[in-house]
Amino acid sequence: MIPPGSPMTKWLPSVFLLLLAASGSGCTTALGVFPTAQSHQIPNDAKVVPLGHAEGTAEHFEATFGGLVDLLDPTSQQEAIREAIQKKQGDLLTDYVLSFYAVRAALPGVDLLTIWWVHWKAEGTVAKVEQASSAPPLPPGNLPAKSEREPGR
């Protein structure tokens, strides 16, 4: 134990505050929000039936040696969208917001090894796509005969 009044006790609070500030400065965060119309292309004549509100998330951890991770990695975005769609058994996500939250942690003053945590969230309306029935589709392998395809001459 350090005796009271020693020169060490004068420096101890300052050293403690310096270490606390250095350890707190090792983390940084980022946030991004992207409003989007729909997750998939659909034919013009298709009917979209809303199924309800849902949200999906995806996250990953990554370590880099002095580099930056791909924060906008489409794999994580698609995973969050897919999870939201599966919750309502739909085909696409409409009028949704795609957002991410990233946390970077490193040892203070040593940015050589950095650890990243990236969390994606997709939140919107899940919908089912119903194809327009303009002509009944033929079963595979049952094409009409050539005489049936061409008009008579």
N, C-alpha and C. Protein backbone atom coordinates (compact mmCIF):
# COMPACT_ATOMS: atom_id res chain seq x y z
N MET A 1 0.84 -1.17 0.00
CA MET A 1 0.00 0.00 0.00
C MET A 1 0.89 1.24 0.00
N ILE A 2 0.42 2.30 -0.65
CA ILE A 2 1.17 3.54 -0.75
C ILE A 2 0.84 4.41 0.46
N PRO A 3 1.88 4.86 1.19
CA PRO A 3 1.61 5.70 2.37
C PRO A 3 1.07 7.06 1.95
N PRO A 4 0.13 7.61 2.74
CA PRO A 4 -0.42 8.93 2.42
C PRO A 4 0.67 9.99 2.47
N GLY A 5 0.58 10.96 1.56
CA GLY A 5 1.52 12.07 1.53
C GLY A 5 2.76 11.77 0.72
N SER A 6 2.92 10.55 0.20
CA SER A 6 4.10 10.25 -0.61
C SER A 6 3.91 10.87 -2.00
N PRO A 7 5.00 11.12 -2.72
CA PRO A 7 4.89 11.71 -4.05
C PRO A 7 4.06 10.85 -5.01
N MET A 8 3.99 9.55 -4.76
CA MET A 8 3.25 8.66 -5.63
C MET A 8 1.74 8.94 -5.58
N THR A 9 1.22 9.33 -4.43
CA THR A 9 -0.22 9.57 -4.30
C THR A 9 -0.65 10.81 -5.07
N LYS A 10 0.27 11.76 -5.30
CA LYS A 10 -0.10 12.95 -6.07
C LYS A 10 -0.31 12.59 -7.54
N TRP A 11 0.45 11.66 -8.04
CA TRP A 11 0.39 11.29 -9.46
C TRP A 11 -0.64 10.21 -9.76
N LEU A 12 -1.05 9.47 -8.78
CA LEU A 12 -1.94 8.35 -9.00
C LEU A 12 -3.27 8.74 -9.66
N PRO A 13 -3.97 9.79 -9.19
CA PRO A 13 -5.23 10.16 -9.86
C PRO A 13 -5.00 10.61 -11.31
N SER A 14 -3.92 11.30 -11.55
CA SER A 14 -3.64 11.77 -12.92
C SER A 14 -3.36 10.59 -13.85
N VAL A 15 -2.59 9.63 -13.36
CA VAL A 15 -2.28 8.44 -14.16
C VAL A 15 -3.56 7.66 -14.42
N PHE A 16 -4.39 7.52 -13.41
CA PHE A 16 -5.65 6.80 -13.57
C PHE A 16 -6.54 7.47 -14.62
N LEU A 17 -6.68 8.79 -14.58
CA LEU A 17 -7.50 9.51 -15.56
C LEU A 17 -6.92 9.41 -16.97
N LEU A 18 -5.61 9.44 -17.07
CA LEU A 18 -4.96 9.29 -18.37
C LEU A 18 -5.23 7.91 -18.96
N LEU A 19 -5.13 6.87 -18.16
CA LEU A 19 -5.42 5.51 -18.63
C LEU A 19 -6.90 5.35 -18.99
N LEU A 20 -7.76 5.95 -18.22
CA LEU A 20 -9.20 5.89 -18.51
C LEU A 20 -9.52 6.58 -19.84
N ALA A 21 -8.93 7.75 -20.07
CA ALA A 21 -9.16 8.48 -21.33
C ALA A 21 -8.60 7.71 -22.52
N ALA A 22 -7.43 7.11 -22.35
CA ALA A 22 -6.82 6.35 -23.44
C ALA A 22 -7.63 5.11 -23.78
N SER A 23 -8.14 4.43 -22.77
CA SER A 23 -8.92 3.23 -23.05
C SER A 23 -10.27 3.58 -23.67
N GLY A 24 -10.84 4.69 -23.31
CA GLY A 24 -12.11 5.12 -23.90
C GLY A 24 -11.97 5.59 -25.33
N SER A 25 -10.79 6.07 -25.71
CA SER A 25 -10.60 6.58 -27.06
C SER A 25 -10.31 5.47 -28.06
N GLY A 26 -10.21 4.23 -27.61
CA GLY A 26 -9.92 3.12 -28.50
C GLY A 26 -11.12 2.64 -29.28
N CYS A 27 -12.33 3.09 -28.97
CA CYS A 27 -13.53 2.65 -29.67
C CYS A 27 -14.12 3.80 -30.46
N THR A 28 -14.57 3.49 -31.65
CA THR A 28 -15.32 4.46 -32.46
C THR A 28 -16.52 3.75 -33.04
N THR A 29 -17.54 4.51 -33.41
CA THR A 29 -18.75 3.93 -33.97
C THR A 29 -19.15 4.67 -35.23
N ALA A 30 -19.97 4.01 -36.04
CA ALA A 30 -20.51 4.61 -37.25
C ALA A 30 -21.96 4.17 -37.40
N LEU A 31 -22.76 5.00 -38.05
CA LEU A 31 -24.16 4.68 -38.25
C LEU A 31 -24.57 5.14 -39.64
N GLY A 32 -25.33 4.33 -40.35
CA GLY A 32 -25.83 4.69 -41.67
C GLY A 32 -27.27 4.24 -41.81
N VAL A 33 -28.11 5.05 -42.48
CA VAL A 33 -29.52 4.72 -42.70
C VAL A 33 -29.84 4.96 -44.17
N PHE A 34 -30.47 3.95 -44.82
CA PHE A 34 -30.78 4.03 -46.23
C PHE A 34 -32.24 3.65 -46.47
N PRO A 35 -33.14 4.63 -46.76
CA PRO A 35 -34.52 4.28 -47.11
C PRO A 35 -34.54 3.69 -48.53
N THR A 36 -35.32 2.63 -48.73
CA THR A 36 -35.33 1.92 -50.01
C THR A 36 -36.76 1.55 -50.38
N ALA A 37 -37.07 1.54 -51.69
CA ALA A 37 -38.42 1.25 -52.17
C ALA A 37 -38.77 -0.23 -52.06
N GLN A 38 -37.98 -1.10 -52.68
CA GLN A 38 -38.27 -2.53 -52.61
C GLN A 38 -37.00 -3.33 -52.81
N SER A 39 -37.01 -4.56 -52.33
CA SER A 39 -35.81 -5.37 -52.33
C SER A 39 -35.58 -6.15 -53.63
N HIS A 40 -36.62 -6.39 -54.41
CA HIS A 40 -36.50 -7.22 -55.62
C HIS A 40 -37.24 -6.56 -56.77
N GLN A 41 -36.78 -6.85 -57.99
CA GLN A 41 -37.49 -6.41 -59.19
C GLN A 41 -38.70 -7.33 -59.39
N ILE A 42 -39.81 -6.74 -59.83
CA ILE A 42 -41.00 -7.55 -60.13
C ILE A 42 -41.53 -7.14 -61.49
N PRO A 43 -42.23 -8.04 -62.20
CA PRO A 43 -42.80 -7.68 -63.50
C PRO A 43 -43.86 -6.58 -63.34
N ASN A 44 -44.05 -5.80 -64.39
CA ASN A 44 -45.01 -4.70 -64.34
C ASN A 44 -46.44 -5.17 -64.14
N ASP A 45 -46.78 -6.34 -64.66
CA ASP A 45 -48.16 -6.82 -64.56
C ASP A 45 -48.43 -7.65 -63.30
N ALA A 46 -47.46 -7.76 -62.40
CA ALA A 46 -47.63 -8.55 -61.17
C ALA A 46 -48.39 -7.75 -60.13
N LYS A 47 -49.08 -8.47 -59.27
CA LYS A 47 -49.84 -7.85 -58.18
C LYS A 47 -49.07 -8.06 -56.88
N VAL A 48 -48.89 -6.99 -56.10
CA VAL A 48 -48.16 -7.05 -54.84
C VAL A 48 -49.17 -7.02 -53.69
N VAL A 49 -49.14 -8.06 -52.86
CA VAL A 49 -50.07 -8.17 -51.73
C VAL A 49 -49.27 -8.03 -50.43
N PRO A 50 -49.49 -6.95 -49.65
CA PRO A 50 -48.75 -6.76 -48.39
C PRO A 50 -49.13 -7.82 -47.36
N LEU A 51 -48.14 -8.33 -46.64
CA LEU A 51 -48.37 -9.34 -45.60
C LEU A 51 -48.18 -8.79 -44.20
N GLY A 52 -47.51 -7.66 -44.06
CA GLY A 52 -47.31 -7.07 -42.74
C GLY A 52 -45.88 -6.61 -42.51
N HIS A 53 -45.69 -5.95 -41.39
CA HIS A 53 -44.40 -5.37 -41.02
C HIS A 53 -43.48 -6.44 -40.44
N ALA A 54 -42.19 -6.36 -40.80
CA ALA A 54 -41.20 -7.30 -40.25
C ALA A 54 -39.83 -6.63 -40.27
N GLU A 55 -38.94 -7.18 -39.47
CA GLU A 55 -37.55 -6.70 -39.49
C GLU A 55 -36.61 -7.90 -39.40
N GLY A 56 -35.45 -7.72 -40.00
CA GLY A 56 -34.43 -8.76 -39.97
C GLY A 56 -33.09 -8.13 -39.65
N THR A 57 -32.21 -8.91 -39.06
CA THR A 57 -30.89 -8.40 -38.70
C THR A 57 -29.80 -9.37 -39.14
N ALA A 58 -28.62 -8.84 -39.29
CA ALA A 58 -27.43 -9.64 -39.59
C ALA A 58 -26.24 -8.91 -38.98
N GLU A 59 -25.30 -9.66 -38.48
CA GLU A 59 -24.12 -9.04 -37.90
C GLU A 59 -22.91 -9.93 -38.11
N HIS A 60 -21.75 -9.30 -38.10
CA HIS A 60 -20.52 -10.07 -38.20
C HIS A 60 -19.39 -9.33 -37.49
N PHE A 61 -18.42 -10.12 -37.04
CA PHE A 61 -17.21 -9.61 -36.40
C PHE A 61 -16.06 -9.82 -37.37
N GLU A 62 -15.14 -8.90 -37.37
CA GLU A 62 -14.00 -9.02 -38.26
C GLU A 62 -12.79 -8.34 -37.62
N ALA A 63 -11.63 -8.90 -37.82
CA ALA A 63 -10.39 -8.31 -37.32
C ALA A 63 -9.53 -7.92 -38.51
N THR A 64 -8.92 -6.75 -38.44
CA THR A 64 -8.04 -6.29 -39.52
C THR A 64 -6.70 -5.87 -38.92
N PHE A 65 -5.69 -5.89 -39.74
CA PHE A 65 -4.36 -5.44 -39.34
C PHE A 65 -4.11 -4.09 -40.01
N GLY A 66 -4.57 -3.04 -39.35
CA GLY A 66 -4.35 -1.69 -39.85
C GLY A 66 -5.27 -1.28 -40.99
N GLY A 67 -6.28 -2.07 -41.30
CA GLY A 67 -7.15 -1.75 -42.44
C GLY A 67 -8.57 -1.45 -42.02
N LEU A 68 -9.38 -1.22 -43.02
CA LEU A 68 -10.79 -0.91 -42.83
C LEU A 68 -11.61 -2.04 -43.42
N VAL A 69 -12.64 -2.49 -42.72
CA VAL A 69 -13.52 -3.53 -43.25
C VAL A 69 -14.49 -2.91 -44.25
N ASP A 70 -15.10 -3.74 -45.07
CA ASP A 70 -16.11 -3.27 -46.00
C ASP A 70 -17.42 -3.12 -45.24
N LEU A 71 -17.68 -1.91 -44.75
CA LEU A 71 -18.88 -1.67 -43.95
C LEU A 71 -20.15 -1.87 -44.76
N LEU A 72 -20.10 -1.61 -46.06
CA LEU A 72 -21.29 -1.73 -46.90
C LEU A 72 -21.33 -3.06 -47.65
N ASP A 73 -20.83 -4.10 -47.04
CA ASP A 73 -20.80 -5.43 -47.63
C ASP A 73 -22.22 -5.88 -47.97
N PRO A 74 -22.52 -6.15 -49.25
CA PRO A 74 -23.89 -6.53 -49.63
C PRO A 74 -24.34 -7.87 -49.05
N THR A 75 -23.43 -8.73 -48.68
CA THR A 75 -23.82 -10.03 -48.13
C THR A 75 -24.60 -9.86 -46.83
N SER A 76 -24.11 -9.01 -45.94
CA SER A 76 -24.80 -8.77 -44.67
C SER A 76 -26.13 -8.06 -44.89
N GLN A 77 -26.17 -7.13 -45.83
CA GLN A 77 -27.42 -6.42 -46.14
C GLN A 77 -28.47 -7.42 -46.62
N GLN A 78 -28.10 -8.27 -47.57
CA GLN A 78 -29.03 -9.25 -48.12
C GLN A 78 -29.49 -10.25 -47.07
N GLU A 79 -28.62 -10.61 -46.16
CA GLU A 79 -29.00 -11.53 -45.09
C GLU A 79 -30.08 -10.91 -44.20
N ALA A 80 -29.94 -9.63 -43.87
CA ALA A 80 -30.94 -8.94 -43.04
C ALA A 80 -32.27 -8.85 -43.79
N ILE A 81 -32.23 -8.54 -45.08
CA ILE A 81 -33.45 -8.46 -45.90
C ILE A 81 -34.12 -9.83 -45.98
N ARG A 82 -33.32 -10.86 -46.24
CA ARG A 82 -33.85 -12.22 -46.36
C ARG A 82 -34.52 -12.67 -45.06
N GLU A 83 -33.91 -12.33 -43.92
CA GLU A 83 -34.50 -12.71 -42.64
C GLU A 83 -35.86 -12.04 -42.43
N ALA A 84 -35.98 -10.77 -42.79
CA ALA A 84 -37.25 -10.06 -42.65
C ALA A 84 -38.32 -10.69 -43.55
N ILE A 85 -37.95 -11.02 -44.77
CA ILE A 85 -38.91 -11.61 -45.72
C ILE A 85 -39.38 -12.98 -45.22
N GLN A 86 -38.47 -13.78 -44.69
CA GLN A 86 -38.81 -15.12 -44.23
C GLN A 86 -39.74 -15.10 -43.02
N LYS A 87 -39.70 -14.05 -42.22
CA LYS A 87 -40.55 -13.99 -41.03
C LYS A 87 -42.03 -13.98 -41.40
N LYS A 88 -42.38 -13.44 -42.58
CA LYS A 88 -43.78 -13.38 -43.01
C LYS A 88 -44.05 -14.30 -44.21
N GLN A 89 -43.05 -15.11 -44.59
CA GLN A 89 -43.20 -16.04 -45.71
C GLN A 89 -43.54 -15.30 -47.00
N GLY A 90 -42.88 -14.17 -47.25
CA GLY A 90 -43.17 -13.37 -48.43
C GLY A 90 -42.15 -13.53 -49.53
N ASP A 91 -42.25 -12.64 -50.54
CA ASP A 91 -41.35 -12.68 -51.69
C ASP A 91 -40.42 -11.47 -51.75
N LEU A 92 -40.84 -10.34 -51.17
CA LEU A 92 -40.01 -9.14 -51.22
C LEU A 92 -40.32 -8.23 -50.05
N LEU A 93 -39.45 -7.27 -49.83
CA LEU A 93 -39.59 -6.28 -48.76
C LEU A 93 -39.80 -4.92 -49.43
N THR A 94 -40.87 -4.22 -49.07
CA THR A 94 -41.17 -2.94 -49.69
C THR A 94 -41.12 -1.82 -48.66
N ASP A 95 -40.88 -0.61 -49.15
CA ASP A 95 -40.86 0.60 -48.30
C ASP A 95 -40.09 0.32 -47.00
N TYR A 96 -38.87 -0.10 -47.15
CA TYR A 96 -38.10 -0.48 -45.97
C TYR A 96 -36.92 0.45 -45.75
N VAL A 97 -36.40 0.38 -44.54
CA VAL A 97 -35.22 1.14 -44.16
C VAL A 97 -34.12 0.13 -43.84
N LEU A 98 -32.98 0.33 -44.47
CA LEU A 98 -31.81 -0.50 -44.24
C LEU A 98 -30.81 0.34 -43.47
N SER A 99 -30.39 -0.13 -42.30
CA SER A 99 -29.47 0.66 -41.49
C SER A 99 -28.36 -0.24 -40.95
N PHE A 100 -27.23 0.40 -40.65
CA PHE A 100 -26.15 -0.36 -40.04
C PHE A 100 -25.54 0.43 -38.90
N TYR A 101 -24.92 -0.32 -38.01
CA TYR A 101 -24.24 0.23 -36.86
C TYR A 101 -22.91 -0.50 -36.75
N ALA A 102 -21.83 0.22 -36.74
CA ALA A 102 -20.50 -0.40 -36.69
C ALA A 102 -19.72 0.12 -35.49
N VAL A 103 -19.01 -0.78 -34.84
CA VAL A 103 -18.16 -0.42 -33.70
C VAL A 103 -16.76 -0.91 -34.01
N ARG A 104 -15.79 -0.03 -33.84
CA ARG A 104 -14.38 -0.34 -34.06
C ARG A 104 -13.67 -0.27 -32.71
N ALA A 105 -12.94 -1.30 -32.38
CA ALA A 105 -12.20 -1.31 -31.13
C ALA A 105 -10.74 -1.63 -31.42
N ALA A 106 -9.86 -0.87 -30.80
CA ALA A 106 -8.42 -1.09 -30.95
C ALA A 106 -7.73 -0.69 -29.66
N LEU A 107 -6.54 -1.17 -29.49
CA LEU A 107 -5.76 -0.73 -28.35
C LEU A 107 -5.35 0.72 -28.58
N PRO A 108 -5.48 1.57 -27.59
CA PRO A 108 -5.15 2.99 -27.78
C PRO A 108 -3.70 3.17 -28.22
N GLY A 109 -3.54 3.94 -29.27
CA GLY A 109 -2.22 4.24 -29.79
C GLY A 109 -1.63 3.13 -30.65
N VAL A 110 -2.27 1.97 -30.67
CA VAL A 110 -1.79 0.85 -31.50
C VAL A 110 -2.93 0.45 -32.42
N ASP A 111 -2.99 1.07 -33.59
CA ASP A 111 -4.09 0.78 -34.51
C ASP A 111 -3.75 -0.35 -35.48
N LEU A 112 -2.73 -1.10 -35.16
CA LEU A 112 -2.35 -2.19 -36.05
C LEU A 112 -3.41 -3.29 -36.06
N LEU A 113 -3.89 -3.70 -34.91
CA LEU A 113 -4.92 -4.72 -34.82
C LEU A 113 -6.22 -4.05 -34.40
N THR A 114 -7.21 -4.14 -35.27
CA THR A 114 -8.52 -3.53 -34.98
C THR A 114 -9.59 -4.60 -35.09
N ILE A 115 -10.55 -4.55 -34.19
CA ILE A 115 -11.67 -5.47 -34.21
C ILE A 115 -12.93 -4.69 -34.54
N TRP A 116 -13.72 -5.20 -35.50
CA TRP A 116 -14.93 -4.54 -35.97
C TRP A 116 -16.14 -5.41 -35.67
N TRP A 117 -17.23 -4.77 -35.28
CA TRP A 117 -18.53 -5.42 -35.14
C TRP A 117 -19.50 -4.60 -35.98
N VAL A 118 -20.11 -5.23 -36.98
CA VAL A 118 -21.04 -4.54 -37.89
C VAL A 118 -22.40 -5.21 -37.77
N HIS A 119 -23.42 -4.41 -37.51
CA HIS A 119 -24.80 -4.90 -37.31
C HIS A 119 -25.71 -4.23 -38.33
N TRP A 120 -26.38 -5.03 -39.18
CA TRP A 120 -27.31 -4.52 -40.19
C TRP A 120 -28.74 -4.82 -39.78
N LYS A 121 -29.66 -3.92 -40.13
CA LYS A 121 -31.07 -4.10 -39.82
C LYS A 121 -31.91 -3.67 -41.02
N ALA A 122 -32.84 -4.51 -41.44
CA ALA A 122 -33.79 -4.19 -42.50
C ALA A 122 -35.18 -4.23 -41.89
N GLU A 123 -35.93 -3.14 -42.05
CA GLU A 123 -37.25 -3.03 -41.43
C GLU A 123 -38.22 -2.43 -42.43
N GLY A 124 -39.32 -3.16 -42.72
CA GLY A 124 -40.30 -2.67 -43.68
C GLY A 124 -41.49 -3.60 -43.81
N THR A 125 -42.19 -3.50 -44.94
CA THR A 125 -43.39 -4.29 -45.20
C THR A 125 -43.05 -5.46 -46.10
N VAL A 126 -43.36 -6.66 -45.64
CA VAL A 126 -43.16 -7.86 -46.45
C VAL A 126 -44.38 -8.02 -47.35
N ALA A 127 -44.14 -8.41 -48.62
CA ALA A 127 -45.24 -8.57 -49.57
C ALA A 127 -45.08 -9.87 -50.35
N LYS A 128 -46.19 -10.35 -50.86
CA LYS A 128 -46.24 -11.54 -51.71
C LYS A 128 -46.50 -11.05 -53.12
N VAL A 129 -45.83 -11.63 -54.11
CA VAL A 129 -46.00 -11.25 -55.51
C VAL A 129 -46.88 -12.28 -56.19
N GLU A 130 -47.99 -11.83 -56.78
CA GLU A 130 -48.87 -12.71 -57.54
C GLU A 130 -48.74 -12.35 -59.01
N GLN A 131 -48.37 -13.34 -59.81
CA GLN A 131 -48.19 -13.12 -61.24
C GLN A 131 -49.54 -12.94 -61.91
N ALA A 132 -49.59 -12.04 -62.90
CA ALA A 132 -50.80 -11.86 -63.69
C ALA A 132 -50.96 -13.09 -64.58
N SER A 133 -52.17 -13.55 -64.74
CA SER A 133 -52.40 -14.76 -65.54
C SER A 133 -52.94 -14.38 -66.92
N SER A 134 -52.07 -13.83 -67.77
CA SER A 134 -52.48 -13.44 -69.11
C SER A 134 -52.64 -14.67 -70.00
N ALA A 135 -51.77 -15.64 -69.90
CA ALA A 135 -51.88 -16.89 -70.64
C ALA A 135 -51.41 -18.01 -69.73
N PRO A 136 -52.15 -19.11 -69.73
CA PRO A 136 -51.72 -20.20 -68.85
C PRO A 136 -50.38 -20.76 -69.31
N PRO A 137 -49.46 -20.95 -68.40
CA PRO A 137 -48.15 -21.49 -68.80
C PRO A 137 -48.26 -22.96 -69.18
N LEU A 138 -47.43 -23.36 -70.12
CA LEU A 138 -47.38 -24.75 -70.53
C LEU A 138 -46.49 -25.52 -69.57
N PRO A 139 -46.85 -26.75 -69.27
CA PRO A 139 -45.94 -27.55 -68.44
C PRO A 139 -44.63 -27.77 -69.18
N PRO A 140 -43.51 -27.86 -68.46
CA PRO A 140 -42.23 -28.05 -69.13
C PRO A 140 -42.22 -29.32 -69.97
N GLY A 141 -41.65 -29.20 -71.17
CA GLY A 141 -41.54 -30.34 -72.06
C GLY A 141 -42.76 -30.59 -72.93
N ASN A 142 -43.82 -29.83 -72.80
CA ASN A 142 -45.03 -30.03 -73.59
C ASN A 142 -45.25 -28.87 -74.55
N LEU A 143 -44.34 -28.66 -75.47
CA LEU A 143 -44.50 -27.61 -76.45
C LEU A 143 -45.52 -28.03 -77.49
N PRO A 144 -46.30 -27.07 -78.01
CA PRO A 144 -47.26 -27.44 -79.05
C PRO A 144 -46.53 -27.85 -80.32
N ALA A 145 -47.21 -28.64 -81.14
CA ALA A 145 -46.63 -29.08 -82.41
C ALA A 145 -46.41 -27.88 -83.30
N LYS A 146 -45.50 -28.02 -84.30
CA LYS A 146 -45.17 -26.91 -85.18
C LYS A 146 -46.40 -26.41 -85.92
N SER A 147 -47.29 -27.30 -86.30
CA SER A 147 -48.48 -26.90 -87.02
C SER A 147 -49.41 -26.06 -86.13
N GLU A 148 -49.37 -26.28 -84.82
CA GLU A 148 -50.20 -25.51 -83.90
C GLU A 148 -49.61 -24.13 -83.60
N ARG A 149 -48.26 -24.00 -83.74
CA ARG A 149 -47.61 -22.73 -83.45
C ARG A 149 -47.71 -21.75 -84.59
N GLU A 150 -47.71 -22.23 -85.83
CA GLU A 150 -47.74 -21.33 -87.00
C GLU A 150 -49.14 -21.31 -87.58
N PRO A 151 -49.62 -20.15 -87.93
CA PRO A 151 -50.95 -20.09 -88.54
C PRO A 151 -50.93 -20.74 -89.92
N GLY A 152 -52.03 -21.28 -90.32
CA GLY A 152 -52.13 -21.93 -91.63
C GLY A 152 -51.93 -20.96 -92.77
N ARG A 153 -51.39 -21.45 -93.93
CA ARG A 153 -51.13 -20.58 -95.07
C ARG A 153 -52.08 -20.84 -96.17
